[in-house]
Amino acid sequence: MKLFPGKMKYLLALLSLILTACLLPAQELLKQHVDNPGQTAMDQAPTGHVPGVPPQSMAVVEPGPIGQAVVTGNGINYHGGPVLKGNPVKFYVIWYGNWSGTGSNTAATVSLVEHFINTLGNTPYEKIATTYGDSTGNVSGNVTLGGHTFVNSSTNLSDSSLQTTVRNALTSGALPTDAGGVYFVLSSSNINETSGFCTQYCGFHTRATLNGADIKYAFVGNPDRCPSGCEIQTTGPNSPATGVGGADGMINVFAHEQFEAITDPDLNAWFDSSGQEDSDKCNFNFGTTSTCGPGTLCTPAGQAAHAKFNVVFGNNDWMLQQQWKNSGGGGCVLHL
């Protein structure tokens, strides 16, 4: 579902859910879950919140035994659709706009985001997704970068041209056609996604039949276009300079959308009675945080700004929203 903007600094989970519900127009709920016969008034709303945990080493863990694939009663319900079970699920990035610019529109941001993707798989954070499954098995919790390409076209990107951008990447051979992967269009801060980026959402995921396959894709814009709406903090733990928080903000939105694209790829698998997918239920909820300083992995700019972080892996400190676990009654957590 669409990740909605708002002041992201230290919001409580309940407040964030209320803000998200208020910002989501009724027509968007219909758009997101059209043709989903499983969504009925009998669905149960979330019943609890599990507090976050202090940051710790997020070293890679090996996959555990596969349990029951479809588990209900944890504040989010299953509606019959598939989840992505690849081991790994491949992420393909379309870098849209000018990524040879200044601020956070740089090759350094490209490198940081792709490093995040390549070190995310099998971490305790990503393993939260293994609590979701369908009738044939569970999500693996393993992801990797499958490829990338660069597109520099119009500064106005509509939903239609977004889909065309993904289609062109497939038909041209710039990226492979992978029905089991997810394609992410990441835009530089000079790009306006005209359906509501910065005013109605910070990112979203969806699907379409492209090049003869069921293709899952997402949009994530550079939060430096609207720092007060979509940026977590003006200087993040990985900021190259003071006041350049776009990369960290983009990674947080990416974390939101990738989780949903895996557990609800065709918009007919996992969501609650109000239409919220797993990441929506913990939107802007960061749990317990630590402060960048001596001895942390934060950049000098992050340390000087006393930036916040809550997850550690890949030799980086990250500030990521919590995710809803589909076990133990449900709740927002930073690791499984």
C-alpha atoms as a PDB file:
ATOM      1  CA  MET A   1       0.000   0.000   0.000  1.00  0.00           C
ATOM      2  CA  LYS A   2       1.029   3.608  -0.232  1.00  0.00           C
ATOM      3  CA  LEU A   3       3.325   4.855   2.508  1.00  0.00           C
ATOM      4  CA  PHE A   4       1.963   8.200   3.587  1.00  0.00           C
ATOM      5  CA  PRO A   5       3.932  11.299   4.567  1.00  0.00           C
ATOM      6  CA  GLY A   6       3.904  12.917   7.935  1.00  0.00           C
ATOM      7  CA  LYS A   7       6.235  14.175  10.644  1.00  0.00           C
ATOM      8  CA  MET A   8       8.290  11.047  11.197  1.00  0.00           C
ATOM      9  CA  LYS A   9      10.209  12.000  14.352  1.00  0.00           C
ATOM     10  CA  TYR A  10       9.484   9.682  17.237  1.00  0.00           C
ATOM     11  CA  LEU A  11       5.775   9.144  16.583  1.00  0.00           C
ATOM     12  CA  LEU A  12       3.985   6.569  18.692  1.00  0.00           C
ATOM     13  CA  ALA A  13       2.558   3.559  16.881  1.00  0.00           C
ATOM     14  CA  LEU A  14      -1.046   4.437  17.710  1.00  0.00           C
ATOM     15  CA  LEU A  15      -0.659   8.014  16.537  1.00  0.00           C
ATOM     16  CA  SER A  16       0.970   6.882  13.299  1.00  0.00           C
ATOM     17  CA  LEU A  17      -1.859   4.461  12.549  1.00  0.00           C
ATOM     18  CA  ILE A  18      -4.428   7.198  13.157  1.00  0.00           C
ATOM     19  CA  LEU A  19      -2.566   9.628  10.897  1.00  0.00           C
ATOM     20  CA  THR A  20      -2.229   6.994   8.201  1.00  0.00           C
ATOM     21  CA  ALA A  21      -5.928   6.197   8.309  1.00  0.00           C
ATOM     22  CA  CYS A  22      -6.840   9.880   8.118  1.00  0.00           C
ATOM     23  CA  LEU A  23      -4.574  10.497   5.140  1.00  0.00           C
ATOM     24  CA  LEU A  24      -5.749   7.490   3.148  1.00  0.00           C
ATOM     25  CA  PRO A  25      -8.708   8.415   0.921  1.00  0.00           C
ATOM     26  CA  ALA A  26     -11.501   5.868   0.681  1.00  0.00           C
ATOM     27  CA  GLN A  27     -10.957   5.546  -3.048  1.00  0.00           C
ATOM     28  CA  GLU A  28      -7.353   4.468  -2.419  1.00  0.00           C
ATOM     29  CA  LEU A  29      -8.537   1.612  -0.213  1.00  0.00           C
ATOM     30  CA  LEU A  30     -10.803   0.539  -3.033  1.00  0.00           C
ATOM     31  CA  LYS A  31      -8.007   0.927  -5.556  1.00  0.00           C
ATOM     32  CA  GLN A  32      -5.554  -1.074  -3.489  1.00  0.00           C
ATOM     33  CA  HIS A  33      -7.885  -3.973  -2.786  1.00  0.00           C
ATOM     34  CA  VAL A  34     -10.238  -4.058  -5.746  1.00  0.00           C
ATOM     35  CA  ASP A  35     -11.287  -7.591  -6.657  1.00  0.00           C
ATOM     36  CA  ASN A  36     -10.214  -8.910  -3.261  1.00  0.00           C
ATOM     37  CA  PRO A  37     -13.247 -10.995  -2.261  1.00  0.00           C
ATOM     38  CA  GLY A  38     -11.543 -12.074   0.960  1.00  0.00           C
ATOM     39  CA  GLN A  39     -11.750  -8.629   2.555  1.00  0.00           C
ATOM     40  CA  THR A  40     -14.982  -8.640   4.555  1.00  0.00           C
ATOM     41  CA  ALA A  41     -16.477  -7.061   7.638  1.00  0.00           C
ATOM     42  CA  MET A  42     -15.601 -10.265   9.513  1.00  0.00           C
ATOM     43  CA  ASP A  43     -11.894  -9.396   9.489  1.00  0.00           C
ATOM     44  CA  GLN A  44     -10.443  -8.710  12.898  1.00  0.00           C
ATOM     45  CA  ALA A  45      -8.627  -5.455  13.691  1.00  0.00           C
ATOM     46  CA  PRO A  46      -5.154  -5.496  15.301  1.00  0.00           C
ATOM     47  CA  THR A  47      -5.284  -6.189  19.025  1.00  0.00           C
ATOM     48  CA  GLY A  48      -1.868  -5.257  20.369  1.00  0.00           C
ATOM     49  CA  HIS A  49       1.510  -3.617  20.048  1.00  0.00           C
ATOM     50  CA  VAL A  50       4.853  -5.151  20.897  1.00  0.00           C
ATOM     51  CA  PRO A  51       7.446  -2.489  21.818  1.00  0.00           C
ATOM     52  CA  GLY A  52      10.673  -2.289  19.869  1.00  0.00           C
ATOM     53  CA  VAL A  53      13.996  -3.541  21.139  1.00  0.00           C
ATOM     54  CA  PRO A  54      17.324  -1.732  21.524  1.00  0.00           C
ATOM     55  CA  PRO A  55      19.578  -1.824  18.469  1.00  0.00           C
ATOM     56  CA  GLN A  56      21.793  -4.863  18.285  1.00  0.00           C
ATOM     57  CA  SER A  57      23.985  -6.630  15.783  1.00  0.00           C
ATOM     58  CA  MET A  58      21.783  -7.810  12.929  1.00  0.00           C
ATOM     59  CA  ALA A  59      24.087 -10.586  11.756  1.00  0.00           C
ATOM     60  CA  VAL A  60      22.751 -12.929   9.107  1.00  0.00           C
ATOM     61  CA  VAL A  61      20.912 -15.937  10.512  1.00  0.00           C
ATOM     62  CA  GLU A  62      20.245 -19.161   8.712  1.00  0.00           C
ATOM     63  CA  PRO A  63      16.656 -19.972   7.680  1.00  0.00           C
ATOM     64  CA  GLY A  64      14.733 -21.960  10.270  1.00  0.00           C
ATOM     65  CA  PRO A  65      12.284 -24.778   9.698  1.00  0.00           C
ATOM     66  CA  ILE A  66       9.227 -23.908   7.655  1.00  0.00           C
ATOM     67  CA  GLY A  67       6.158 -23.762   9.891  1.00  0.00           C
ATOM     68  CA  GLN A  68       2.475 -23.406   9.181  1.00  0.00           C
ATOM     69  CA  ALA A  69       2.184 -21.169   6.132  1.00  0.00           C
ATOM     70  CA  VAL A  70      -1.185 -19.534   6.782  1.00  0.00           C
ATOM     71  CA  VAL A  71      -1.482 -18.311  10.358  1.00  0.00           C
ATOM     72  CA  THR A  72      -4.329 -16.031  11.436  1.00  0.00           C
ATOM     73  CA  GLY A  73      -5.444 -14.326  14.623  1.00  0.00           C
ATOM     74  CA  ASN A  74      -2.509 -11.909  14.879  1.00  0.00           C
ATOM     75  CA  GLY A  75      -4.228  -8.684  13.873  1.00  0.00           C
ATOM     76  CA  ILE A  76      -3.804  -9.270  10.159  1.00  0.00           C
ATOM     77  CA  ASN A  77      -5.610 -11.799   7.970  1.00  0.00           C
ATOM     78  CA  TYR A  78      -5.040 -13.863   4.882  1.00  0.00           C
ATOM     79  CA  HIS A  79      -7.203 -13.369   1.783  1.00  0.00           C
ATOM     80  CA  GLY A  80      -6.103 -16.212  -0.453  1.00  0.00           C
ATOM     81  CA  GLY A  81      -3.469 -14.600  -2.665  1.00  0.00           C
ATOM     82  CA  PRO A  82       0.176 -15.622  -3.055  1.00  0.00           C
ATOM     83  CA  VAL A  83       3.252 -14.344  -1.244  1.00  0.00           C
ATOM     84  CA  LEU A  84       6.728 -14.205  -2.783  1.00  0.00           C
ATOM     85  CA  LYS A  85       8.689 -17.210  -1.572  1.00  0.00           C
ATOM     86  CA  GLY A  86      11.886 -16.946  -3.602  1.00  0.00           C
ATOM     87  CA  ASN A  87      15.109 -17.771  -1.814  1.00  0.00           C
ATOM     88  CA  PRO A  88      16.158 -15.128  -2.530  1.00  0.00           C
ATOM     89  CA  VAL A  89      13.505 -12.744  -3.841  1.00  0.00           C
ATOM     90  CA  LYS A  90      15.299 -10.502  -6.326  1.00  0.00           C
ATOM     91  CA  PHE A  91      14.905  -6.717  -6.235  1.00  0.00           C
ATOM     92  CA  TYR A  92      15.470  -4.763  -9.453  1.00  0.00           C
ATOM     93  CA  VAL A  93      16.114  -1.026  -9.199  1.00  0.00           C
ATOM     94  CA  ILE A  94      15.295   1.554 -11.851  1.00  0.00           C
ATOM     95  CA  TRP A  95      17.162   4.718 -10.879  1.00  0.00           C
ATOM     96  CA  TYR A  96      14.922   7.398 -12.347  1.00  0.00           C
ATOM     97  CA  GLY A  97      16.073  10.998 -12.788  1.00  0.00           C
ATOM     98  CA  ASN A  98      19.436  12.610 -12.124  1.00  0.00           C
ATOM     99  CA  TRP A  99      21.647  10.464  -9.902  1.00  0.00           C
ATOM    100  CA  SER A 100      24.831  12.334 -10.760  1.00  0.00           C
ATOM    101  CA  GLY A 101      23.835  15.509  -8.963  1.00  0.00           C
ATOM    102  CA  THR A 102      24.373  16.984  -5.514  1.00  0.00           C
ATOM    103  CA  GLY A 103      22.984  16.441  -2.019  1.00  0.00           C
ATOM    104  CA  SER A 104      21.419  12.991  -1.887  1.00  0.00           C
ATOM    105  CA  ASN A 105      21.041  12.692  -5.683  1.00  0.00           C
ATOM    106  CA  THR A 106      24.453  11.100  -6.044  1.00  0.00           C
ATOM    107  CA  ALA A 107      26.298   7.910  -6.863  1.00  0.00           C
ATOM    108  CA  ALA A 108      26.924   7.594  -3.120  1.00  0.00           C
ATOM    109  CA  THR A 109      23.184   7.229  -2.520  1.00  0.00           C
ATOM    110  CA  VAL A 110      22.950   4.628  -5.279  1.00  0.00           C
ATOM    111  CA  SER A 111      25.784   2.705  -3.649  1.00  0.00           C
ATOM    112  CA  LEU A 112      24.270   2.969  -0.154  1.00  0.00           C
ATOM    113  CA  VAL A 113      20.796   1.801  -1.202  1.00  0.00           C
ATOM    114  CA  GLU A 114      22.180  -1.126  -3.183  1.00  0.00           C
ATOM    115  CA  HIS A 115      24.438  -2.050  -0.252  1.00  0.00           C
ATOM    116  CA  PHE A 116      21.345  -2.009   1.976  1.00  0.00           C
ATOM    117  CA  ILE A 117      19.542  -4.377  -0.405  1.00  0.00           C
ATOM    118  CA  ASN A 118      22.496  -6.740  -0.671  1.00  0.00           C
ATOM    119  CA  THR A 119      22.940  -7.016   3.100  1.00  0.00           C
ATOM    120  CA  LEU A 120      19.241  -7.098   4.066  1.00  0.00           C
ATOM    121  CA  GLY A 121      18.554 -10.736   3.217  1.00  0.00           C
ATOM    122  CA  ASN A 122      18.318 -13.210   6.125  1.00  0.00           C
ATOM    123  CA  THR A 123      18.826 -10.510   8.766  1.00  0.00           C
ATOM    124  CA  PRO A 124      16.631 -10.756  11.871  1.00  0.00           C
ATOM    125  CA  TYR A 125      14.826  -7.647  10.560  1.00  0.00           C
ATOM    126  CA  GLU A 126      13.900  -9.239   7.221  1.00  0.00           C
ATOM    127  CA  LYS A 127      13.109 -12.543   8.930  1.00  0.00           C
ATOM    128  CA  ILE A 128       9.942 -10.924  10.307  1.00  0.00           C
ATOM    129  CA  ALA A 129       8.507 -11.630   6.851  1.00  0.00           C
ATOM    130  CA  THR A 130       8.861 -15.391   7.437  1.00  0.00           C
ATOM    131  CA  THR A 131       5.800 -15.236   9.692  1.00  0.00           C
ATOM    132  CA  TYR A 132       3.754 -14.782   6.491  1.00  0.00           C
ATOM    133  CA  GLY A 133       2.929 -17.455   3.962  1.00  0.00           C
ATOM    134  CA  ASP A 134       0.351 -18.875   1.595  1.00  0.00           C
ATOM    135  CA  SER A 135      -1.050 -22.355   1.026  1.00  0.00           C
ATOM    136  CA  THR A 136       2.254 -23.614  -0.395  1.00  0.00           C
ATOM    137  CA  GLY A 137       4.814 -22.224   2.045  1.00  0.00           C
ATOM    138  CA  ASN A 138       6.348 -19.314   3.907  1.00  0.00           C
ATOM    139  CA  VAL A 139       8.306 -16.255   2.834  1.00  0.00           C
ATOM    140  CA  SER A 140      12.032 -17.084   2.967  1.00  0.00           C
ATOM    141  CA  GLY A 141      13.276 -13.812   4.463  1.00  0.00           C
ATOM    142  CA  ASN A 142      16.068 -13.765   1.897  1.00  0.00           C
ATOM    143  CA  VAL A 143      16.401 -10.965  -0.683  1.00  0.00           C
ATOM    144  CA  THR A 144      19.125  -9.719  -3.003  1.00  0.00           C
ATOM    145  CA  LEU A 145      19.777  -7.157  -5.721  1.00  0.00           C
ATOM    146  CA  GLY A 146      18.921  -8.688  -9.093  1.00  0.00           C
ATOM    147  CA  GLY A 147      20.055  -5.784 -11.250  1.00  0.00           C
ATOM    148  CA  HIS A 148      19.683  -2.065 -11.912  1.00  0.00           C
ATOM    149  CA  THR A 149      19.318   0.408 -14.739  1.00  0.00           C
ATOM    150  CA  PHE A 150      19.242   4.204 -15.077  1.00  0.00           C
ATOM    151  CA  VAL A 151      16.515   6.273 -16.751  1.00  0.00           C
ATOM    152  CA  ASN A 152      16.595  10.064 -17.041  1.00  0.00           C
ATOM    153  CA  SER A 153      13.379  11.291 -18.628  1.00  0.00           C
ATOM    154  CA  SER A 154      10.547  13.688 -17.762  1.00  0.00           C
ATOM    155  CA  THR A 155      10.575  15.320 -14.336  1.00  0.00           C
ATOM    156  CA  ASN A 156       6.847  14.574 -14.058  1.00  0.00           C
ATOM    157  CA  LEU A 157       6.144  10.895 -13.527  1.00  0.00           C
ATOM    158  CA  SER A 158       2.509   9.748 -13.568  1.00  0.00           C
ATOM    159  CA  ASP A 159       1.214   6.348 -12.482  1.00  0.00           C
ATOM    160  CA  SER A 160       0.843   5.499 -16.171  1.00  0.00           C
ATOM    161  CA  SER A 161       4.363   6.577 -17.110  1.00  0.00           C
ATOM    162  CA  LEU A 162       5.693   4.772 -14.034  1.00  0.00           C
ATOM    163  CA  GLN A 163       4.251   1.532 -15.384  1.00  0.00           C
ATOM    164  CA  THR A 164       5.620   2.351 -18.839  1.00  0.00           C
ATOM    165  CA  THR A 165       9.065   2.884 -17.314  1.00  0.00           C
ATOM    166  CA  VAL A 166       8.985  -0.597 -15.803  1.00  0.00           C
ATOM    167  CA  ARG A 167       7.643  -2.124 -19.019  1.00  0.00           C
ATOM    168  CA  ASN A 168      10.374  -0.466 -21.086  1.00  0.00           C
ATOM    169  CA  ALA A 169      13.061  -1.824 -18.776  1.00  0.00           C
ATOM    170  CA  LEU A 170      11.727  -5.323 -19.417  1.00  0.00           C
ATOM    171  CA  THR A 171      11.088  -5.119 -23.151  1.00  0.00           C
ATOM    172  CA  SER A 172      14.462  -3.483 -23.810  1.00  0.00           C
ATOM    173  CA  GLY A 173      16.268  -6.200 -21.891  1.00  0.00           C
ATOM    174  CA  ALA A 174      17.737  -3.695 -19.442  1.00  0.00           C
ATOM    175  CA  LEU A 175      16.246  -5.862 -16.695  1.00  0.00           C
ATOM    176  CA  PRO A 176      15.038  -9.471 -16.858  1.00  0.00           C
ATOM    177  CA  THR A 177      11.335 -10.327 -16.678  1.00  0.00           C
ATOM    178  CA  ASP A 178      10.940 -11.918 -13.254  1.00  0.00           C
ATOM    179  CA  ALA A 179       7.432 -12.633 -11.947  1.00  0.00           C
ATOM    180  CA  GLY A 180       8.967 -13.669  -8.629  1.00  0.00           C
ATOM    181  CA  GLY A 181      10.885 -10.432  -8.119  1.00  0.00           C
ATOM    182  CA  VAL A 182      10.019  -6.808  -7.340  1.00  0.00           C
ATOM    183  CA  TYR A 183      10.931  -3.771  -9.458  1.00  0.00           C
ATOM    184  CA  PHE A 184      11.567  -0.484  -7.648  1.00  0.00           C
ATOM    185  CA  VAL A 185      11.518   2.884  -9.392  1.00  0.00           C
ATOM    186  CA  LEU A 186      13.608   5.183  -7.177  1.00  0.00           C
ATOM    187  CA  SER A 187      13.394   8.823  -8.204  1.00  0.00           C
ATOM    188  CA  SER A 188      15.772  11.717  -7.567  1.00  0.00           C
ATOM    189  CA  SER A 189      14.467  14.739  -5.681  1.00  0.00           C
ATOM    190  CA  ASN A 190      13.736  16.736  -8.849  1.00  0.00           C
ATOM    191  CA  ILE A 191      11.102  14.181  -9.918  1.00  0.00           C
ATOM    192  CA  ASN A 192       7.413  14.666  -9.135  1.00  0.00           C
ATOM    193  CA  GLU A 193       5.176  11.590  -9.113  1.00  0.00           C
ATOM    194  CA  THR A 194       2.006  13.453 -10.047  1.00  0.00           C
ATOM    195  CA  SER A 195      -0.542  11.169  -8.368  1.00  0.00           C
ATOM    196  CA  GLY A 196       0.430  12.504  -4.947  1.00  0.00           C
ATOM    197  CA  PHE A 197       4.079  12.035  -3.982  1.00  0.00           C
ATOM    198  CA  CYS A 198       4.839  14.184  -0.911  1.00  0.00           C
ATOM    199  CA  THR A 199       1.188  15.174  -0.462  1.00  0.00           C
ATOM    200  CA  GLN A 200      -0.559  11.803  -0.268  1.00  0.00           C
ATOM    201  CA  TYR A 201       2.246   9.261  -0.007  1.00  0.00           C
ATOM    202  CA  CYS A 202       6.008   8.699   0.199  1.00  0.00           C
ATOM    203  CA  GLY A 203       5.964   5.441  -1.748  1.00  0.00           C
ATOM    204  CA  PHE A 204       3.683   2.662  -2.935  1.00  0.00           C
ATOM    205  CA  HIS A 205       3.672  -0.796  -4.488  1.00  0.00           C
ATOM    206  CA  THR A 206       1.329  -2.410  -7.006  1.00  0.00           C
ATOM    207  CA  ARG A 207       1.287  -4.969  -9.818  1.00  0.00           C
ATOM    208  CA  ALA A 208       0.466  -5.257 -13.540  1.00  0.00           C
ATOM    209  CA  THR A 209       0.748  -7.748 -16.377  1.00  0.00           C
ATOM    210  CA  LEU A 210       3.851  -6.598 -18.256  1.00  0.00           C
ATOM    211  CA  ASN A 211       5.777  -8.440 -20.942  1.00  0.00           C
ATOM    212  CA  GLY A 212       3.413 -11.373 -20.415  1.00  0.00           C
ATOM    213  CA  ALA A 213       4.131 -11.757 -16.701  1.00  0.00           C
ATOM    214  CA  ASP A 214       2.588 -10.737 -13.379  1.00  0.00           C
ATOM    215  CA  ILE A 215       5.054  -8.000 -12.468  1.00  0.00           C
ATOM    216  CA  LYS A 216       5.252  -6.484  -9.004  1.00  0.00           C
ATOM    217  CA  TYR A 217       6.672  -2.968  -8.841  1.00  0.00           C
ATOM    218  CA  ALA A 218       6.959  -0.020  -6.491  1.00  0.00           C
ATOM    219  CA  PHE A 219       7.713   3.692  -6.432  1.00  0.00           C
ATOM    220  CA  VAL A 220       9.963   5.314  -3.822  1.00  0.00           C
ATOM    221  CA  GLY A 221      10.764   9.001  -4.186  1.00  0.00           C
ATOM    222  CA  ASN A 222      13.730  10.841  -2.707  1.00  0.00           C
ATOM    223  CA  PRO A 223      12.401  12.362   0.550  1.00  0.00           C
ATOM    224  CA  ASP A 224      14.646  15.397   0.066  1.00  0.00           C
ATOM    225  CA  ARG A 225      11.886  16.644  -2.243  1.00  0.00           C
ATOM    226  CA  CYS A 226       9.687  17.070   0.843  1.00  0.00           C
ATOM    227  CA  PRO A 227      11.820  16.704   3.997  1.00  0.00           C
ATOM    228  CA  SER A 228       9.038  17.716   6.383  1.00  0.00           C
ATOM    229  CA  GLY A 229       6.749  15.012   5.034  1.00  0.00           C
ATOM    230  CA  CYS A 230       8.776  11.941   4.093  1.00  0.00           C
ATOM    231  CA  GLU A 231      12.210  12.352   5.673  1.00  0.00           C
ATOM    232  CA  ILE A 232      12.885  10.714   9.031  1.00  0.00           C
ATOM    233  CA  GLN A 233      15.486  13.248  10.182  1.00  0.00           C
ATOM    234  CA  THR A 234      17.366  15.998   8.369  1.00  0.00           C
ATOM    235  CA  THR A 235      20.678  14.257   9.047  1.00  0.00           C
ATOM    236  CA  GLY A 236      20.605  10.475   9.216  1.00  0.00           C
ATOM    237  CA  PRO A 237      23.078   7.848  10.409  1.00  0.00           C
ATOM    238  CA  ASN A 238      24.463   7.508   6.870  1.00  0.00           C
ATOM    239  CA  SER A 239      24.302  11.163   5.795  1.00  0.00           C
ATOM    240  CA  PRO A 240      27.376  12.329   3.854  1.00  0.00           C
ATOM    241  CA  ALA A 241      26.925  15.868   5.189  1.00  0.00           C
ATOM    242  CA  THR A 242      24.771  17.774   7.660  1.00  0.00           C
ATOM    243  CA  GLY A 243      21.244  18.318   6.371  1.00  0.00           C
ATOM    244  CA  VAL A 244      21.438  15.614   3.687  1.00  0.00           C
ATOM    245  CA  GLY A 245      19.014  13.002   5.000  1.00  0.00           C
ATOM    246  CA  GLY A 246      17.420  11.836   1.770  1.00  0.00           C
ATOM    247  CA  ALA A 247      19.260   8.527   1.441  1.00  0.00           C
ATOM    248  CA  ASP A 248      18.341   7.345   4.930  1.00  0.00           C
ATOM    249  CA  GLY A 249      14.755   8.477   4.413  1.00  0.00           C
ATOM    250  CA  MET A 250      14.545   6.677   1.075  1.00  0.00           C
ATOM    251  CA  ILE A 251      15.887   3.466   2.613  1.00  0.00           C
ATOM    252  CA  ASN A 252      13.198   3.571   5.298  1.00  0.00           C
ATOM    253  CA  VAL A 253      10.436   3.942   2.691  1.00  0.00           C
ATOM    254  CA  PHE A 254      12.080   1.182   0.652  1.00  0.00           C
ATOM    255  CA  ALA A 255      12.022  -1.095   3.712  1.00  0.00           C
ATOM    256  CA  HIS A 256       8.289  -0.444   4.048  1.00  0.00           C
ATOM    257  CA  GLU A 257       7.418  -1.140   0.424  1.00  0.00           C
ATOM    258  CA  GLN A 258       9.632  -4.202  -0.063  1.00  0.00           C
ATOM    259  CA  PHE A 259       8.089  -5.915   2.941  1.00  0.00           C
ATOM    260  CA  GLU A 260       4.570  -5.336   1.634  1.00  0.00           C
ATOM    261  CA  ALA A 261       5.480  -6.302  -1.932  1.00  0.00           C
ATOM    262  CA  ILE A 262       6.665  -9.676  -0.623  1.00  0.00           C
ATOM    263  CA  THR A 263       3.767 -10.420   1.733  1.00  0.00           C
ATOM    264  CA  ASP A 264       0.985  -8.892  -0.396  1.00  0.00           C
ATOM    265  CA  PRO A 265       2.405  -8.834  -3.948  1.00  0.00           C
ATOM    266  CA  ASP A 266      -0.893  -8.962  -5.851  1.00  0.00           C
ATOM    267  CA  LEU A 267      -2.844  -6.951  -3.247  1.00  0.00           C
ATOM    268  CA  ASN A 268      -4.913  -9.987  -2.301  1.00  0.00           C
ATOM    269  CA  ALA A 269      -2.906 -11.781   0.400  1.00  0.00           C
ATOM    270  CA  TRP A 270      -2.223 -10.145   3.783  1.00  0.00           C
ATOM    271  CA  PHE A 271      -3.996  -7.027   5.130  1.00  0.00           C
ATOM    272  CA  ASP A 272      -6.386  -6.163   7.938  1.00  0.00           C
ATOM    273  CA  SER A 273     -10.030  -5.107   7.997  1.00  0.00           C
ATOM    274  CA  SER A 274      -9.176  -1.456   7.303  1.00  0.00           C
ATOM    275  CA  GLY A 275      -7.038  -2.344   4.270  1.00  0.00           C
ATOM    276  CA  GLN A 276      -3.706  -1.881   6.042  1.00  0.00           C
ATOM    277  CA  GLU A 277      -0.884  -4.173   5.012  1.00  0.00           C
ATOM    278  CA  ASP A 278       1.782  -5.294   7.470  1.00  0.00           C
ATOM    279  CA  SER A 279       4.112  -2.299   7.092  1.00  0.00           C
ATOM    280  CA  ASP A 280       1.177   0.121   7.236  1.00  0.00           C
ATOM    281  CA  LYS A 281       0.380  -1.167  10.710  1.00  0.00           C
ATOM    282  CA  CYS A 282       3.779   0.049  11.957  1.00  0.00           C
ATOM    283  CA  ASN A 283       4.108   3.098   9.708  1.00  0.00           C
ATOM    284  CA  PHE A 284       6.527   5.712  11.157  1.00  0.00           C
ATOM    285  CA  ASN A 285       6.924   3.573  14.292  1.00  0.00           C
ATOM    286  CA  PHE A 286      10.638   3.136  15.009  1.00  0.00           C
ATOM    287  CA  GLY A 287      10.599   1.528  18.440  1.00  0.00           C
ATOM    288  CA  THR A 288      13.596   2.041  20.712  1.00  0.00           C
ATOM    289  CA  THR A 289      16.392   4.074  19.134  1.00  0.00           C
ATOM    290  CA  SER A 290      20.047   4.793  19.854  1.00  0.00           C
ATOM    291  CA  THR A 291      22.045   7.950  19.167  1.00  0.00           C
ATOM    292  CA  CYS A 292      24.966   8.227  16.763  1.00  0.00           C
ATOM    293  CA  GLY A 293      28.228   8.992  18.493  1.00  0.00           C
ATOM    294  CA  PRO A 294      31.748   7.657  19.090  1.00  0.00           C
ATOM    295  CA  GLY A 295      31.888   3.901  18.681  1.00  0.00           C
ATOM    296  CA  THR A 296      28.879   3.709  16.367  1.00  0.00           C
ATOM    297  CA  LEU A 297      28.948   2.992  12.637  1.00  0.00           C
ATOM    298  CA  CYS A 298      27.346   6.338  11.783  1.00  0.00           C
ATOM    299  CA  THR A 299      29.058   8.772   9.425  1.00  0.00           C
ATOM    300  CA  PRO A 300      30.858  11.796  10.909  1.00  0.00           C
ATOM    301  CA  ALA A 301      27.876  13.943   9.894  1.00  0.00           C
ATOM    302  CA  GLY A 302      25.484  11.534  11.592  1.00  0.00           C
ATOM    303  CA  GLN A 303      27.565  11.533  14.749  1.00  0.00           C
ATOM    304  CA  ALA A 304      27.837  15.321  14.814  1.00  0.00           C
ATOM    305  CA  ALA A 305      24.064  15.657  14.422  1.00  0.00           C
ATOM    306  CA  HIS A 306      23.359  12.963  17.034  1.00  0.00           C
ATOM    307  CA  ALA A 307      21.216  11.178  14.470  1.00  0.00           C
ATOM    308  CA  LYS A 308      19.048   8.288  15.608  1.00  0.00           C
ATOM    309  CA  PHE A 309      19.288   4.653  14.518  1.00  0.00           C
ATOM    310  CA  ASN A 310      17.669   1.396  15.598  1.00  0.00           C
ATOM    311  CA  VAL A 311      19.048  -1.476  13.482  1.00  0.00           C
ATOM    312  CA  VAL A 312      22.610  -2.582  12.722  1.00  0.00           C
ATOM    313  CA  PHE A 313      23.696  -4.808   9.829  1.00  0.00           C
ATOM    314  CA  GLY A 314      25.992  -4.692   6.815  1.00  0.00           C
ATOM    315  CA  ASN A 315      28.504  -2.598   8.795  1.00  0.00           C
ATOM    316  CA  ASN A 316      25.996   0.277   8.893  1.00  0.00           C
ATOM    317  CA  ASP A 317      23.597   1.790  11.390  1.00  0.00           C
ATOM    318  CA  TRP A 318      20.072   2.177   9.956  1.00  0.00           C
ATOM    319  CA  MET A 319      16.875   3.929  10.997  1.00  0.00           C
ATOM    320  CA  LEU A 320      14.028   1.657   9.871  1.00  0.00           C
ATOM    321  CA  GLN A 321      10.375   1.442  10.778  1.00  0.00           C
ATOM    322  CA  GLN A 322       9.227  -1.608  12.673  1.00  0.00           C
ATOM    323  CA  GLN A 323       7.274  -4.357  10.894  1.00  0.00           C
ATOM    324  CA  TRP A 324       4.148  -6.231  11.941  1.00  0.00           C
ATOM    325  CA  LYS A 325       4.882  -9.817  12.942  1.00  0.00           C
ATOM    326  CA  ASN A 326       2.246 -12.425  12.156  1.00  0.00           C
ATOM    327  CA  SER A 327       2.853 -14.481  15.290  1.00  0.00           C
ATOM    328  CA  GLY A 328       2.426 -14.305  19.045  1.00  0.00           C
ATOM    329  CA  GLY A 329      -0.680 -12.151  18.786  1.00  0.00           C
ATOM    330  CA  GLY A 330       0.972  -9.718  16.390  1.00  0.00           C
ATOM    331  CA  GLY A 331       2.793  -6.473  17.012  1.00  0.00           C
ATOM    332  CA  CYS A 332       5.405  -4.053  15.698  1.00  0.00           C
ATOM    333  CA  VAL A 333       8.952  -5.385  16.089  1.00  0.00           C
ATOM    334  CA  LEU A 334      12.459  -4.769  14.759  1.00  0.00           C
ATOM    335  CA  HIS A 335      13.486  -8.406  14.586  1.00  0.00           C
ATOM    336  CA  LEU A 336      12.007 -11.872  14.807  1.00  0.00           C
END
